[in-house]
Amino acid sequence: MSVENFKSINLKCNPEKAIELREQFTGIIPGYHMNKKHWNTVLINDDVTDKHLFELIHQSYQLVFNVLPKKIKDGISIG
């Protein structure tokens, strides 16, 4: 896999929003090799704008960060 030339990204999402996004965008499908209830695969260079993609990345990060143990959270600086 090349970090500079990738075709998709898996992002965590709340279950209701995950379904809504899949219905809204052809470039968002159930998470490849992931729990399809909580994860979406977003295809790069499809119908998801860069702005929306960055919003989805931020939301995914927050969902994952929020369930980390406090000790780990304290060691991570988020900006």
Foldseek 3Di string as FASTA:
>chain_A
DDPVDDFKDKFFDQQVVLVVVVVVFVQWAQDDVDDSSTIIIGTPPGPQDPVNVVVRNVVRVCVVLVPDDPVVNVVDDDD
